[in-house]
Amino acid sequence: MPKLYRGLLEIQKALGTSKEERTIEKVYRKLDKASIDYGIMEKARNTLVVKADYLWDDVGNWQA
């Protein structure tokens, strides 16, 4: 997801400046729409799971 990374870096540089809102609107609309599951986790080779009560969950969709 290098394109996403570059876009987020561009947004980060604009934070707190007069270009912040304009940059977010311009860059965000061009970013690839991908879930973290697809974009990162499905390609990850070394992952860990931490069992904890986070008081939040994200099943993604009703079929999950």
PDB file of N, CA and C in Angstrom:
ATOM      1  N   MET A   1       0.816  -1.180   0.000  1.00  0.00           N
ATOM      2  CA  MET A   1       0.000   0.000   0.000  1.00  0.00           C
ATOM      3  C   MET A   1       0.875   1.265   0.000  1.00  0.00           C
ATOM      4  N   PRO A   2       1.863   1.281  -0.857  1.00  0.00           N
ATOM      5  CA  PRO A   2       2.760   2.436  -0.904  1.00  0.00           C
ATOM      6  C   PRO A   2       2.053   3.734  -1.275  1.00  0.00           C
ATOM      7  N   LYS A   3       1.060   3.656  -2.167  1.00  0.00           N
ATOM      8  CA  LYS A   3       0.332   4.871  -2.555  1.00  0.00           C
ATOM      9  C   LYS A   3      -0.401   5.457  -1.350  1.00  0.00           C
ATOM     10  N   LEU A   4      -0.986   4.600  -0.533  1.00  0.00           N
ATOM     11  CA  LEU A   4      -1.668   5.056   0.680  1.00  0.00           C
ATOM     12  C   LEU A   4      -0.667   5.724   1.617  1.00  0.00           C
ATOM     13  N   TYR A   5       0.478   5.111   1.786  1.00  0.00           N
ATOM     14  CA  TYR A   5       1.518   5.656   2.659  1.00  0.00           C
ATOM     15  C   TYR A   5       1.952   7.048   2.191  1.00  0.00           C
ATOM     16  N   ARG A   6       2.217   7.174   0.892  1.00  0.00           N
ATOM     17  CA  ARG A   6       2.643   8.476   0.360  1.00  0.00           C
ATOM     18  C   ARG A   6       1.555   9.530   0.545  1.00  0.00           C
ATOM     19  N   GLY A   7       0.304   9.144   0.332  1.00  0.00           N
ATOM     20  CA  GLY A   7      -0.797  10.081   0.513  1.00  0.00           C
ATOM     21  C   GLY A   7      -0.932  10.528   1.954  1.00  0.00           C
ATOM     22  N   LEU A   8      -0.797   9.595   2.876  1.00  0.00           N
ATOM     23  CA  LEU A   8      -0.898   9.943   4.295  1.00  0.00           C
ATOM     24  C   LEU A   8       0.262  10.826   4.735  1.00  0.00           C
ATOM     25  N   LEU A   9       1.436  10.609   4.171  1.00  0.00           N
ATOM     26  CA  LEU A   9       2.570  11.490   4.471  1.00  0.00           C
ATOM     27  C   LEU A   9       2.295  12.913   3.986  1.00  0.00           C
ATOM     28  N   GLU A  10       1.700  13.018   2.811  1.00  0.00           N
ATOM     29  CA  GLU A  10       1.362  14.343   2.275  1.00  0.00           C
ATOM     30  C   GLU A  10       0.355  15.051   3.180  1.00  0.00           C
ATOM     31  N   ILE A  11      -0.641  14.303   3.634  1.00  0.00           N
ATOM     32  CA  ILE A  11      -1.628  14.875   4.558  1.00  0.00           C
ATOM     33  C   ILE A  11      -0.948  15.287   5.854  1.00  0.00           C
ATOM     34  N   GLN A  12      -0.081  14.433   6.377  1.00  0.00           N
ATOM     35  CA  GLN A  12       0.605  14.734   7.636  1.00  0.00           C
ATOM     36  C   GLN A  12       1.389  16.044   7.548  1.00  0.00           C
ATOM     37  N   LYS A  13       2.066  16.260   6.436  1.00  0.00           N
ATOM     38  CA  LYS A  13       2.856  17.482   6.269  1.00  0.00           C
ATOM     39  C   LYS A  13       1.982  18.738   6.274  1.00  0.00           C
ATOM     40  N   ALA A  14       0.726  18.592   5.847  1.00  0.00           N
ATOM     41  CA  ALA A  14      -0.164  19.750   5.769  1.00  0.00           C
ATOM     42  C   ALA A  14      -0.899  20.022   7.078  1.00  0.00           C
ATOM     43  N   LEU A  15      -0.890  19.065   8.000  1.00  0.00           N
ATOM     44  CA  LEU A  15      -1.612  19.249   9.262  1.00  0.00           C
ATOM     45  C   LEU A  15      -1.099  20.478   9.998  1.00  0.00           C
ATOM     46  N   GLY A  16      -2.039  21.278  10.490  1.00  0.00           N
ATOM     47  CA  GLY A  16      -1.681  22.470  11.244  1.00  0.00           C
ATOM     48  C   GLY A  16      -1.282  23.659  10.384  1.00  0.00           C
ATOM     49  N   THR A  17      -1.423  23.520   9.059  1.00  0.00           N
ATOM     50  CA  THR A  17      -1.097  24.634   8.166  1.00  0.00           C
ATOM     51  C   THR A  17      -2.371  25.125   7.489  1.00  0.00           C
ATOM     52  N   SER A  18      -2.237  26.193   6.747  1.00  0.00           N
ATOM     53  CA  SER A  18      -3.392  26.727   6.017  1.00  0.00           C
ATOM     54  C   SER A  18      -3.821  25.797   4.882  1.00  0.00           C
ATOM     55  N   LYS A  19      -2.980  24.837   4.521  1.00  0.00           N
ATOM     56  CA  LYS A  19      -3.281  23.892   3.436  1.00  0.00           C
ATOM     57  C   LYS A  19      -3.923  22.601   3.931  1.00  0.00           C
ATOM     58  N   GLU A  20      -4.123  22.467   5.239  1.00  0.00           N
ATOM     59  CA  GLU A  20      -4.602  21.211   5.819  1.00  0.00           C
ATOM     60  C   GLU A  20      -5.901  20.726   5.178  1.00  0.00           C
ATOM     61  N   GLU A  21      -6.942  21.513   5.241  1.00  0.00           N
ATOM     62  CA  GLU A  21      -8.250  21.069   4.745  1.00  0.00           C
ATOM     63  C   GLU A  21      -8.211  20.775   3.250  1.00  0.00           C
ATOM     64  N   ARG A  22      -7.603  21.650   2.484  1.00  0.00           N
ATOM     65  CA  ARG A  22      -7.509  21.476   1.036  1.00  0.00           C
ATOM     66  C   ARG A  22      -6.733  20.204   0.685  1.00  0.00           C
ATOM     67  N   THR A  23      -5.652  19.960   1.402  1.00  0.00           N
ATOM     68  CA  THR A  23      -4.828  18.779   1.137  1.00  0.00           C
ATOM     69  C   THR A  23      -5.583  17.501   1.474  1.00  0.00           C
ATOM     70  N   ILE A  24      -6.258  17.483   2.613  1.00  0.00           N
ATOM     71  CA  ILE A  24      -7.032  16.293   2.995  1.00  0.00           C
ATOM     72  C   ILE A  24      -8.083  15.993   1.938  1.00  0.00           C
ATOM     73  N   GLU A  25      -8.818  17.002   1.509  1.00  0.00           N
ATOM     74  CA  GLU A  25      -9.862  16.791   0.494  1.00  0.00           C
ATOM     75  C   GLU A  25      -9.277  16.278  -0.816  1.00  0.00           C
ATOM     76  N   LYS A  26      -8.160  16.851  -1.242  1.00  0.00           N
ATOM     77  CA  LYS A  26      -7.544  16.477  -2.518  1.00  0.00           C
ATOM     78  C   LYS A  26      -6.949  15.072  -2.464  1.00  0.00           C
ATOM     79  N   VAL A  27      -6.178  14.800  -1.434  1.00  0.00           N
ATOM     80  CA  VAL A  27      -5.433  13.540  -1.356  1.00  0.00           C
ATOM     81  C   VAL A  27      -6.343  12.374  -0.975  1.00  0.00           C
ATOM     82  N   TYR A  28      -7.203  12.566   0.008  1.00  0.00           N
ATOM     83  CA  TYR A  28      -8.017  11.466   0.521  1.00  0.00           C
ATOM     84  C   TYR A  28      -8.895  10.866  -0.570  1.00  0.00           C
ATOM     85  N   ARG A  29      -9.447  11.706  -1.429  1.00  0.00           N
ATOM     86  CA  ARG A  29     -10.342  11.165  -2.467  1.00  0.00           C
ATOM     87  C   ARG A  29      -9.594  10.306  -3.478  1.00  0.00           C
ATOM     88  N   LYS A  30      -8.280  10.472  -3.580  1.00  0.00           N
ATOM     89  CA  LYS A  30      -7.486   9.697  -4.538  1.00  0.00           C
ATOM     90  C   LYS A  30      -6.933   8.399  -3.952  1.00  0.00           C
ATOM     91  N   LEU A  31      -7.031   8.229  -2.649  1.00  0.00           N
ATOM     92  CA  LEU A  31      -6.460   7.041  -2.014  1.00  0.00           C
ATOM     93  C   LEU A  31      -7.244   5.790  -2.387  1.00  0.00           C
ATOM     94  N   ASP A  32      -6.534   4.676  -2.518  1.00  0.00           N
ATOM     95  CA  ASP A  32      -7.182   3.394  -2.783  1.00  0.00           C
ATOM     96  C   ASP A  32      -8.084   3.029  -1.619  1.00  0.00           C
ATOM     97  N   LYS A  33      -9.245   2.506  -1.933  1.00  0.00           N
ATOM     98  CA  LYS A  33     -10.193   2.076  -0.907  1.00  0.00           C
ATOM     99  C   LYS A  33      -9.957   0.593  -0.634  1.00  0.00           C
ATOM    100  N   ALA A  34      -9.310   0.289   0.469  1.00  0.00           N
ATOM    101  CA  ALA A  34      -9.014  -1.100   0.821  1.00  0.00           C
ATOM    102  C   ALA A  34      -9.068  -1.247   2.332  1.00  0.00           C
ATOM    103  N   SER A  35      -9.602  -2.360   2.770  1.00  0.00           N
ATOM    104  CA  SER A  35      -9.651  -2.625   4.207  1.00  0.00           C
ATOM    105  C   SER A  35      -8.262  -3.004   4.704  1.00  0.00           C
ATOM    106  N   ILE A  36      -8.047  -2.859   5.990  1.00  0.00           N
ATOM    107  CA  ILE A  36      -6.760  -3.267   6.574  1.00  0.00           C
ATOM    108  C   ILE A  36      -6.580  -4.778   6.419  1.00  0.00           C
ATOM    109  N   ASP A  37      -7.699  -5.526   6.452  1.00  0.00           N
ATOM    110  CA  ASP A  37      -7.616  -6.977   6.271  1.00  0.00           C
ATOM    111  C   ASP A  37      -7.015  -7.314   4.912  1.00  0.00           C
ATOM    112  N   TYR A  38      -7.550  -6.707   3.871  1.00  0.00           N
ATOM    113  CA  TYR A  38      -7.078  -6.994   2.517  1.00  0.00           C
ATOM    114  C   TYR A  38      -5.726  -6.342   2.244  1.00  0.00           C
ATOM    115  N   GLY A  39      -5.595  -5.093   2.596  1.00  0.00           N
ATOM    116  CA  GLY A  39      -4.404  -4.333   2.250  1.00  0.00           C
ATOM    117  C   GLY A  39      -3.150  -4.731   3.002  1.00  0.00           C
ATOM    118  N   ILE A  40      -3.303  -5.184   4.228  1.00  0.00           N
ATOM    119  CA  ILE A  40      -2.124  -5.479   5.049  1.00  0.00           C
ATOM    120  C   ILE A  40      -2.136  -6.907   5.589  1.00  0.00           C
ATOM    121  N   MET A  41      -3.178  -7.280   6.302  1.00  0.00           N
ATOM    122  CA  MET A  41      -3.173  -8.548   7.033  1.00  0.00           C
ATOM    123  C   MET A  41      -3.095  -9.777   6.131  1.00  0.00           C
ATOM    124  N   GLU A  42      -3.775  -9.769   4.989  1.00  0.00           N
ATOM    125  CA  GLU A  42      -3.734 -10.946   4.123  1.00  0.00           C
ATOM    126  C   GLU A  42      -2.351 -11.172   3.522  1.00  0.00           C
ATOM    127  N   LYS A  43      -1.526 -10.146   3.492  1.00  0.00           N
ATOM    128  CA  LYS A  43      -0.184 -10.265   2.931  1.00  0.00           C
ATOM    129  C   LYS A  43       0.889 -10.420   4.011  1.00  0.00           C
ATOM    130  N   ALA A  44       0.512 -10.265   5.254  1.00  0.00           N
ATOM    131  CA  ALA A  44       1.472 -10.319   6.362  1.00  0.00           C
ATOM    132  C   ALA A  44       1.976 -11.746   6.567  1.00  0.00           C
ATOM    133  N   ARG A  45       3.237 -11.870   6.859  1.00  0.00           N
ATOM    134  CA  ARG A  45       3.841 -13.181   7.097  1.00  0.00           C
ATOM    135  C   ARG A  45       4.009 -13.470   8.588  1.00  0.00           C
ATOM    136  N   ASN A  46       4.353 -12.482   9.349  1.00  0.00           N
ATOM    137  CA  ASN A  46       4.581 -12.661  10.785  1.00  0.00           C
ATOM    138  C   ASN A  46       3.605 -11.788  11.550  1.00  0.00           C
ATOM    139  N   THR A  47       2.593 -12.402  12.122  1.00  0.00           N
ATOM    140  CA  THR A  47       1.595 -11.645  12.874  1.00  0.00           C
ATOM    141  C   THR A  47       1.397 -12.268  14.245  1.00  0.00           C
ATOM    142  N   LEU A  48       0.911 -11.482  15.146  1.00  0.00           N
ATOM    143  CA  LEU A  48       0.593 -11.943  16.489  1.00  0.00           C
ATOM    144  C   LEU A  48      -0.822 -11.525  16.829  1.00  0.00           C
ATOM    145  N   VAL A  49      -1.432 -12.259  17.725  1.00  0.00           N
ATOM    146  CA  VAL A  49      -2.759 -11.930  18.217  1.00  0.00           C
ATOM    147  C   VAL A  49      -2.651 -11.686  19.711  1.00  0.00           C
ATOM    148  N   VAL A  50      -3.269 -10.629  20.173  1.00  0.00           N
ATOM    149  CA  VAL A  50      -3.270 -10.307  21.594  1.00  0.00           C
ATOM    150  C   VAL A  50      -4.701 -10.436  22.089  1.00  0.00           C
ATOM    151  N   LYS A  51      -4.918 -11.371  22.997  1.00  0.00           N
ATOM    152  CA  LYS A  51      -6.241 -11.556  23.566  1.00  0.00           C
ATOM    153  C   LYS A  51      -6.439 -10.513  24.663  1.00  0.00           C
ATOM    154  N   ALA A  52      -7.519  -9.731  24.530  1.00  0.00           N
ATOM    155  CA  ALA A  52      -7.794  -8.681  25.511  1.00  0.00           C
ATOM    156  C   ALA A  52      -9.238  -8.234  25.368  1.00  0.00           C
ATOM    157  N   ASP A  53      -9.744  -7.586  26.376  1.00  0.00           N
ATOM    158  CA  ASP A  53     -11.088  -7.025  26.332  1.00  0.00           C
ATOM    159  C   ASP A  53     -10.966  -5.556  25.945  1.00  0.00           C
ATOM    160  N   TYR A  54     -11.162  -5.268  24.663  1.00  0.00           N
ATOM    161  CA  TYR A  54     -11.011  -3.908  24.152  1.00  0.00           C
ATOM    162  C   TYR A  54     -12.304  -3.102  24.195  1.00  0.00           C
ATOM    163  N   LEU A  55     -13.407  -3.736  24.562  1.00  0.00           N
ATOM    164  CA  LEU A  55     -14.725  -3.094  24.595  1.00  0.00           C
ATOM    165  C   LEU A  55     -15.139  -2.588  23.220  1.00  0.00           C
ATOM    166  N   TRP A  56     -14.635  -3.205  22.159  1.00  0.00           N
ATOM    167  CA  TRP A  56     -14.953  -2.822  20.793  1.00  0.00           C
ATOM    168  C   TRP A  56     -14.640  -3.996  19.892  1.00  0.00           C
ATOM    169  N   ASP A  57     -15.432  -4.168  18.860  1.00  0.00           N
ATOM    170  CA  ASP A  57     -15.098  -5.161  17.855  1.00  0.00           C
ATOM    171  C   ASP A  57     -15.577  -4.682  16.494  1.00  0.00           C
ATOM    172  N   ASP A  58     -15.025  -5.275  15.486  1.00  0.00           N
ATOM    173  CA  ASP A  58     -15.373  -4.923  14.119  1.00  0.00           C
ATOM    174  C   ASP A  58     -15.444  -6.218  13.335  1.00  0.00           C
ATOM    175  N   VAL A  59     -16.647  -6.694  13.127  1.00  0.00           N
ATOM    176  CA  VAL A  59     -16.799  -7.958  12.414  1.00  0.00           C
ATOM    177  C   VAL A  59     -16.752  -7.761  10.904  1.00  0.00           C
ATOM    178  N   GLY A  60     -16.754  -6.536  10.450  1.00  0.00           N
ATOM    179  CA  GLY A  60     -16.647  -6.269   9.022  1.00  0.00           C
ATOM    180  C   GLY A  60     -17.971  -6.311   8.302  1.00  0.00           C
ATOM    181  N   ASN A  61     -18.694  -7.401   8.439  1.00  0.00           N
ATOM    182  CA  ASN A  61     -20.031  -7.492   7.857  1.00  0.00           C
ATOM    183  C   ASN A  61     -20.825  -8.553   8.608  1.00  0.00           C
ATOM    184  N   TRP A  62     -22.086  -8.664   8.316  1.00  0.00           N
ATOM    185  CA  TRP A  62     -22.957  -9.578   9.065  1.00  0.00           C
ATOM    186  C   TRP A  62     -22.600 -11.034   8.836  1.00  0.00           C
ATOM    187  N   GLN A  63     -22.027 -11.388   7.684  1.00  0.00           N
ATOM    188  CA  GLN A  63     -21.658 -12.776   7.411  1.00  0.00           C
ATOM    189  C   GLN A  63     -20.436 -13.215   8.224  1.00  0.00           C
ATOM    190  N   ALA A  64     -19.660 -12.268   8.695  1.00  0.00           N
ATOM    191  CA  ALA A  64     -18.458 -12.613   9.458  1.00  0.00           C
ATOM    192  C   ALA A  64     -18.856 -13.219  10.784  1.00  0.00           C
TER     193      ALA A  64
END
